[in-house]
Amino acid sequence: MWIAGCAKLAAIAACALLAAACAENKVEPPAIQVPPVSSVPPGSTQDFFLNVGDRIFFNENSAELSPTALTTLDKQGEWLVRYPNYRIMIEGHSDEKASPQKNMALSKQRAEAVRGYLAAKGIEPARVRTVFFGREKRVATCNEMSCWSQNRRVVTVLDTGPPAPAVSARARPGPGPGMAPPPDRMPTYAPPPPRG
């Protein structure tokens, strides 16, 4: 009889352990600190890409910066303050689930949210340019959540070239030395002749 009692007690204990093993743990594990890749020169574009991160992701129909995005943007801000010779272009993107107009507006909101956050971190506005593409430059094309989530992003692109000259809307740059003046009309595209 005591064997049957012990068997029941063992079965109850096994069920309790099984239930505890299957329970969801709601506590998020701490973010793993990845050490910087030491094989790339500090301050290089590779350093930015590998050790800082060049993109952040968004939830559907949102331009709100997530805690993960804020961590990446904090690292970007620190890096850009440390290396002021870089200008950046902030590219806003969206998935393909809404109308083109809504996606364009959402990608603009995302790019502007990142621009504002980096400005608050001390990045001068003259160093930052924003562009937004809506759903035109998708990195993944399929009709699944995995693709859509990759496309809802902002990418920070480094630029080291000379700053673009400011051209007045009224002023039209003239031709350079040895160049013909611009035509009054733009040329019409003609397809190449068929091959024989």
C-alpha atoms as a PDB file:
ATOM      1  CA  MET A   1       0.000   0.000   0.000  1.00  0.00           C
ATOM      2  CA  TRP A   2       2.807   2.393   0.807  1.00  0.00           C
ATOM      3  CA  ILE A   3       4.249   1.617  -2.659  1.00  0.00           C
ATOM      4  CA  ALA A   4       1.017   2.897  -4.291  1.00  0.00           C
ATOM      5  CA  GLY A   5       1.175   6.059  -2.141  1.00  0.00           C
ATOM      6  CA  CYS A   6       4.797   6.674  -3.117  1.00  0.00           C
ATOM      7  CA  ALA A   7       3.916   6.126  -6.786  1.00  0.00           C
ATOM      8  CA  LYS A   8       1.097   8.711  -6.555  1.00  0.00           C
ATOM      9  CA  LEU A   9       3.409  11.174  -4.825  1.00  0.00           C
ATOM     10  CA  ALA A  10       6.095  10.633  -7.505  1.00  0.00           C
ATOM     11  CA  ALA A  11       3.504  11.129 -10.277  1.00  0.00           C
ATOM     12  CA  ILE A  12       2.288  14.387  -8.695  1.00  0.00           C
ATOM     13  CA  ALA A  13       5.869  15.634  -8.353  1.00  0.00           C
ATOM     14  CA  ALA A  14       6.607  14.716 -11.981  1.00  0.00           C
ATOM     15  CA  CYS A  15       3.491  16.603 -13.168  1.00  0.00           C
ATOM     16  CA  ALA A  16       4.470  19.663 -11.123  1.00  0.00           C
ATOM     17  CA  LEU A  17       7.989  19.653 -12.569  1.00  0.00           C
ATOM     18  CA  LEU A  18       6.613  19.198 -16.100  1.00  0.00           C
ATOM     19  CA  ALA A  19       4.187  22.083 -15.642  1.00  0.00           C
ATOM     20  CA  ALA A  20       6.966  24.312 -14.300  1.00  0.00           C
ATOM     21  CA  ALA A  21       9.194  23.434 -17.264  1.00  0.00           C
ATOM     22  CA  CYS A  22       6.450  24.368 -19.736  1.00  0.00           C
ATOM     23  CA  ALA A  23       5.563  27.684 -18.088  1.00  0.00           C
ATOM     24  CA  GLU A  24       6.481  30.870 -19.946  1.00  0.00           C
ATOM     25  CA  ASN A  25       9.201  32.980 -18.412  1.00  0.00           C
ATOM     26  CA  LYS A  26       8.106  36.617 -18.865  1.00  0.00           C
ATOM     27  CA  VAL A  27      11.425  38.086 -17.701  1.00  0.00           C
ATOM     28  CA  GLU A  28      13.534  39.223 -20.641  1.00  0.00           C
ATOM     29  CA  PRO A  29      17.138  38.078 -20.504  1.00  0.00           C
ATOM     30  CA  PRO A  30      19.646  40.924 -20.318  1.00  0.00           C
ATOM     31  CA  ALA A  31      21.012  42.094 -23.641  1.00  0.00           C
ATOM     32  CA  ILE A  32      24.208  40.307 -24.532  1.00  0.00           C
ATOM     33  CA  GLN A  33      27.088  42.722 -24.804  1.00  0.00           C
ATOM     34  CA  VAL A  34      28.964  41.849 -27.975  1.00  0.00           C
ATOM     35  CA  PRO A  35      32.593  42.927 -27.777  1.00  0.00           C
ATOM     36  CA  PRO A  36      33.722  45.194 -30.622  1.00  0.00           C
ATOM     37  CA  VAL A  37      35.332  43.498 -33.594  1.00  0.00           C
ATOM     38  CA  SER A  38      38.982  44.391 -33.184  1.00  0.00           C
ATOM     39  CA  SER A  39      40.062  43.526 -36.724  1.00  0.00           C
ATOM     40  CA  VAL A  40      38.497  46.678 -38.193  1.00  0.00           C
ATOM     41  CA  PRO A  41      40.017  50.146 -37.793  1.00  0.00           C
ATOM     42  CA  PRO A  42      38.200  52.364 -35.270  1.00  0.00           C
ATOM     43  CA  GLY A  43      36.281  55.152 -36.972  1.00  0.00           C
ATOM     44  CA  SER A  44      35.913  53.294 -40.276  1.00  0.00           C
ATOM     45  CA  THR A  45      32.664  52.544 -42.045  1.00  0.00           C
ATOM     46  CA  GLN A  46      33.241  48.878 -41.188  1.00  0.00           C
ATOM     47  CA  ASP A  47      33.550  49.838 -37.512  1.00  0.00           C
ATOM     48  CA  PHE A  48      30.185  51.618 -37.712  1.00  0.00           C
ATOM     49  CA  PHE A  49      28.512  48.722 -39.494  1.00  0.00           C
ATOM     50  CA  LEU A  50      29.956  45.890 -37.364  1.00  0.00           C
ATOM     51  CA  ASN A  51      30.302  47.441 -33.910  1.00  0.00           C
ATOM     52  CA  VAL A  52      27.544  50.054 -33.817  1.00  0.00           C
ATOM     53  CA  GLY A  53      24.820  48.911 -36.227  1.00  0.00           C
ATOM     54  CA  ASP A  54      23.437  50.767 -39.207  1.00  0.00           C
ATOM     55  CA  ARG A  55      19.720  49.914 -38.989  1.00  0.00           C
ATOM     56  CA  ILE A  56      16.783  49.782 -36.654  1.00  0.00           C
ATOM     57  CA  PHE A  57      13.390  48.133 -37.064  1.00  0.00           C
ATOM     58  CA  PHE A  58       9.814  49.184 -36.318  1.00  0.00           C
ATOM     59  CA  ASN A  59       6.511  47.596 -35.420  1.00  0.00           C
ATOM     60  CA  GLU A  60       3.736  47.565 -37.989  1.00  0.00           C
ATOM     61  CA  ASN A  61       2.125  50.981 -38.657  1.00  0.00           C
ATOM     62  CA  SER A  62       4.438  52.652 -36.136  1.00  0.00           C
ATOM     63  CA  ALA A  63       7.257  55.177 -36.109  1.00  0.00           C
ATOM     64  CA  GLU A  64       7.844  54.686 -32.368  1.00  0.00           C
ATOM     65  CA  LEU A  65      11.421  53.903 -31.401  1.00  0.00           C
ATOM     66  CA  SER A  66      11.628  50.605 -29.497  1.00  0.00           C
ATOM     67  CA  PRO A  67      14.060  50.024 -26.602  1.00  0.00           C
ATOM     68  CA  THR A  68      16.255  47.970 -28.954  1.00  0.00           C
ATOM     69  CA  ALA A  69      16.213  50.807 -31.510  1.00  0.00           C
ATOM     70  CA  LEU A  70      17.111  53.347 -28.815  1.00  0.00           C
ATOM     71  CA  THR A  71      20.112  51.246 -27.778  1.00  0.00           C
ATOM     72  CA  THR A  72      21.369  51.190 -31.376  1.00  0.00           C
ATOM     73  CA  LEU A  73      20.701  54.916 -31.827  1.00  0.00           C
ATOM     74  CA  ASP A  74      22.562  55.708 -28.598  1.00  0.00           C
ATOM     75  CA  LYS A  75      25.578  53.843 -29.982  1.00  0.00           C
ATOM     76  CA  GLN A  76      25.224  55.637 -33.324  1.00  0.00           C
ATOM     77  CA  GLY A  77      25.053  59.013 -31.587  1.00  0.00           C
ATOM     78  CA  GLU A  78      28.172  58.308 -29.503  1.00  0.00           C
ATOM     79  CA  TRP A  79      30.073  57.106 -32.575  1.00  0.00           C
ATOM     80  CA  LEU A  80      29.046  60.087 -34.709  1.00  0.00           C
ATOM     81  CA  VAL A  81      30.054  62.535 -31.964  1.00  0.00           C
ATOM     82  CA  ARG A  82      33.436  60.770 -31.685  1.00  0.00           C
ATOM     83  CA  TYR A  83      33.957  60.850 -35.487  1.00  0.00           C
ATOM     84  CA  PRO A  84      32.610  64.222 -36.710  1.00  0.00           C
ATOM     85  CA  ASN A  85      34.103  63.863 -40.214  1.00  0.00           C
ATOM     86  CA  TYR A  86      31.089  61.754 -41.263  1.00  0.00           C
ATOM     87  CA  ARG A  87      27.790  63.036 -42.551  1.00  0.00           C
ATOM     88  CA  ILE A  88      24.837  60.661 -42.591  1.00  0.00           C
ATOM     89  CA  MET A  89      21.835  59.934 -44.708  1.00  0.00           C
ATOM     90  CA  ILE A  90      18.884  58.472 -42.828  1.00  0.00           C
ATOM     91  CA  GLU A  91      16.790  56.232 -45.084  1.00  0.00           C
ATOM     92  CA  GLY A  92      13.210  55.518 -44.021  1.00  0.00           C
ATOM     93  CA  HIS A  93      11.504  52.366 -45.335  1.00  0.00           C
ATOM     94  CA  SER A  94       8.211  50.527 -44.876  1.00  0.00           C
ATOM     95  CA  ASP A  95       6.644  47.205 -45.724  1.00  0.00           C
ATOM     96  CA  GLU A  96       4.234  46.733 -48.608  1.00  0.00           C
ATOM     97  CA  LYS A  97       1.034  46.156 -46.658  1.00  0.00           C
ATOM     98  CA  ALA A  98      -0.623  49.589 -47.034  1.00  0.00           C
ATOM     99  CA  SER A  99      -1.152  52.054 -49.867  1.00  0.00           C
ATOM    100  CA  PRO A 100       1.934  53.648 -51.428  1.00  0.00           C
ATOM    101  CA  GLN A 101       0.943  57.044 -49.987  1.00  0.00           C
ATOM    102  CA  LYS A 102       0.571  55.708 -46.440  1.00  0.00           C
ATOM    103  CA  ASN A 103       3.862  53.807 -46.689  1.00  0.00           C
ATOM    104  CA  MET A 104       5.668  56.910 -47.951  1.00  0.00           C
ATOM    105  CA  ALA A 105       4.296  58.972 -45.054  1.00  0.00           C
ATOM    106  CA  LEU A 106       5.206  56.274 -42.536  1.00  0.00           C
ATOM    107  CA  SER A 107       8.755  55.914 -43.853  1.00  0.00           C
ATOM    108  CA  LYS A 108       9.125  59.711 -43.612  1.00  0.00           C
ATOM    109  CA  GLN A 109       7.890  59.657 -39.984  1.00  0.00           C
ATOM    110  CA  ARG A 110      10.398  56.906 -39.162  1.00  0.00           C
ATOM    111  CA  ALA A 111      13.316  58.783 -40.727  1.00  0.00           C
ATOM    112  CA  GLU A 112      12.315  62.003 -38.951  1.00  0.00           C
ATOM    113  CA  ALA A 113      12.017  60.172 -35.596  1.00  0.00           C
ATOM    114  CA  VAL A 114      15.594  58.925 -35.983  1.00  0.00           C
ATOM    115  CA  ARG A 115      16.799  62.350 -37.103  1.00  0.00           C
ATOM    116  CA  GLY A 116      15.213  63.999 -34.065  1.00  0.00           C
ATOM    117  CA  TYR A 117      16.676  61.443 -31.678  1.00  0.00           C
ATOM    118  CA  LEU A 118      20.192  61.814 -33.089  1.00  0.00           C
ATOM    119  CA  ALA A 119      19.864  65.618 -32.989  1.00  0.00           C
ATOM    120  CA  ALA A 120      19.018  65.326 -29.285  1.00  0.00           C
ATOM    121  CA  LYS A 121      22.227  63.286 -28.897  1.00  0.00           C
ATOM    122  CA  GLY A 122      24.299  66.176 -30.284  1.00  0.00           C
ATOM    123  CA  ILE A 123      24.513  65.424 -34.016  1.00  0.00           C
ATOM    124  CA  GLU A 124      24.472  68.725 -35.922  1.00  0.00           C
ATOM    125  CA  PRO A 125      21.544  69.038 -38.375  1.00  0.00           C
ATOM    126  CA  ALA A 126      23.955  70.060 -41.163  1.00  0.00           C
ATOM    127  CA  ARG A 127      25.479  66.564 -41.006  1.00  0.00           C
ATOM    128  CA  VAL A 128      22.133  64.798 -41.459  1.00  0.00           C
ATOM    129  CA  ARG A 129      20.000  64.263 -44.541  1.00  0.00           C
ATOM    130  CA  THR A 130      16.788  62.243 -44.569  1.00  0.00           C
ATOM    131  CA  VAL A 131      15.252  60.380 -47.459  1.00  0.00           C
ATOM    132  CA  PHE A 132      12.259  58.094 -47.463  1.00  0.00           C
ATOM    133  CA  PHE A 133      11.387  55.363 -49.893  1.00  0.00           C
ATOM    134  CA  GLY A 134       8.115  53.869 -48.690  1.00  0.00           C
ATOM    135  CA  ARG A 135       8.028  50.326 -49.958  1.00  0.00           C
ATOM    136  CA  GLU A 136      10.218  50.938 -53.010  1.00  0.00           C
ATOM    137  CA  LYS A 137      13.509  49.540 -51.643  1.00  0.00           C
ATOM    138  CA  ARG A 138      12.500  46.341 -49.908  1.00  0.00           C
ATOM    139  CA  VAL A 139      15.225  44.012 -48.663  1.00  0.00           C
ATOM    140  CA  ALA A 140      12.863  41.033 -48.636  1.00  0.00           C
ATOM    141  CA  THR A 141       9.955  40.357 -50.975  1.00  0.00           C
ATOM    142  CA  CYS A 142       7.411  37.789 -49.922  1.00  0.00           C
ATOM    143  CA  ASN A 143       3.949  37.807 -48.443  1.00  0.00           C
ATOM    144  CA  GLU A 144       4.961  36.770 -44.921  1.00  0.00           C
ATOM    145  CA  MET A 145       5.594  38.425 -41.569  1.00  0.00           C
ATOM    146  CA  SER A 146       9.322  37.624 -41.769  1.00  0.00           C
ATOM    147  CA  CYS A 147       9.688  39.752 -44.910  1.00  0.00           C
ATOM    148  CA  TRP A 148       7.452  42.580 -43.745  1.00  0.00           C
ATOM    149  CA  SER A 149       9.357  42.972 -40.472  1.00  0.00           C
ATOM    150  CA  GLN A 150      12.706  43.249 -42.319  1.00  0.00           C
ATOM    151  CA  ASN A 151      11.329  45.998 -44.538  1.00  0.00           C
ATOM    152  CA  ARG A 152      10.030  48.209 -41.679  1.00  0.00           C
ATOM    153  CA  ARG A 153      13.380  49.873 -41.010  1.00  0.00           C
ATOM    154  CA  VAL A 154      15.571  52.944 -40.980  1.00  0.00           C
ATOM    155  CA  VAL A 155      19.127  52.633 -42.262  1.00  0.00           C
ATOM    156  CA  THR A 156      21.853  55.119 -41.331  1.00  0.00           C
ATOM    157  CA  VAL A 157      24.282  55.493 -44.242  1.00  0.00           C
ATOM    158  CA  LEU A 158      27.685  57.113 -43.664  1.00  0.00           C
ATOM    159  CA  ASP A 159      28.993  59.689 -46.145  1.00  0.00           C
ATOM    160  CA  THR A 160      32.548  61.040 -46.222  1.00  0.00           C
ATOM    161  CA  GLY A 161      32.460  62.833 -49.571  1.00  0.00           C
ATOM    162  CA  PRO A 162      32.398  66.612 -49.941  1.00  0.00           C
ATOM    163  CA  PRO A 163      29.138  68.249 -48.922  1.00  0.00           C
ATOM    164  CA  ALA A 164      26.631  68.791 -51.701  1.00  0.00           C
ATOM    165  CA  PRO A 165      26.712  72.417 -52.880  1.00  0.00           C
ATOM    166  CA  ALA A 166      23.673  74.482 -52.075  1.00  0.00           C
ATOM    167  CA  VAL A 167      21.973  75.464 -55.321  1.00  0.00           C
ATOM    168  CA  SER A 168      19.344  78.155 -55.290  1.00  0.00           C
ATOM    169  CA  ALA A 169      15.993  77.215 -56.757  1.00  0.00           C
ATOM    170  CA  ARG A 170      16.303  80.203 -59.111  1.00  0.00           C
ATOM    171  CA  ALA A 171      19.917  79.751 -60.052  1.00  0.00           C
ATOM    172  CA  ARG A 172      20.681  77.162 -62.657  1.00  0.00           C
ATOM    173  CA  PRO A 173      24.257  75.930 -62.766  1.00  0.00           C
ATOM    174  CA  GLY A 174      25.941  76.713 -66.063  1.00  0.00           C
ATOM    175  CA  PRO A 175      27.931  74.287 -68.166  1.00  0.00           C
ATOM    176  CA  GLY A 176      31.468  73.517 -67.127  1.00  0.00           C
ATOM    177  CA  PRO A 177      34.511  74.124 -69.310  1.00  0.00           C
ATOM    178  CA  GLY A 178      34.219  72.333 -72.634  1.00  0.00           C
ATOM    179  CA  MET A 179      30.542  71.481 -72.101  1.00  0.00           C
ATOM    180  CA  ALA A 180      27.650  72.473 -74.324  1.00  0.00           C
ATOM    181  CA  PRO A 181      24.908  74.584 -72.757  1.00  0.00           C
ATOM    182  CA  PRO A 182      21.914  72.589 -71.529  1.00  0.00           C
ATOM    183  CA  PRO A 183      19.153  72.122 -74.114  1.00  0.00           C
ATOM    184  CA  ASP A 184      15.864  73.975 -73.788  1.00  0.00           C
ATOM    185  CA  ARG A 185      14.076  70.625 -73.669  1.00  0.00           C
ATOM    186  CA  MET A 186      15.140  67.366 -72.177  1.00  0.00           C
ATOM    187  CA  PRO A 187      15.967  64.755 -74.847  1.00  0.00           C
ATOM    188  CA  THR A 188      13.354  62.122 -75.515  1.00  0.00           C
ATOM    189  CA  TYR A 189      14.300  58.554 -74.749  1.00  0.00           C
ATOM    190  CA  ALA A 190      14.534  56.364 -77.796  1.00  0.00           C
ATOM    191  CA  PRO A 191      15.027  52.610 -77.435  1.00  0.00           C
ATOM    192  CA  PRO A 192      18.130  51.176 -79.040  1.00  0.00           C
ATOM    193  CA  PRO A 193      17.733  49.900 -82.607  1.00  0.00           C
ATOM    194  CA  PRO A 194      16.954  46.179 -82.883  1.00  0.00           C
ATOM    195  CA  ARG A 195      19.923  43.922 -83.346  1.00  0.00           C
ATOM    196  CA  GLY A 196      20.171  42.288 -86.725  1.00  0.00           C
END
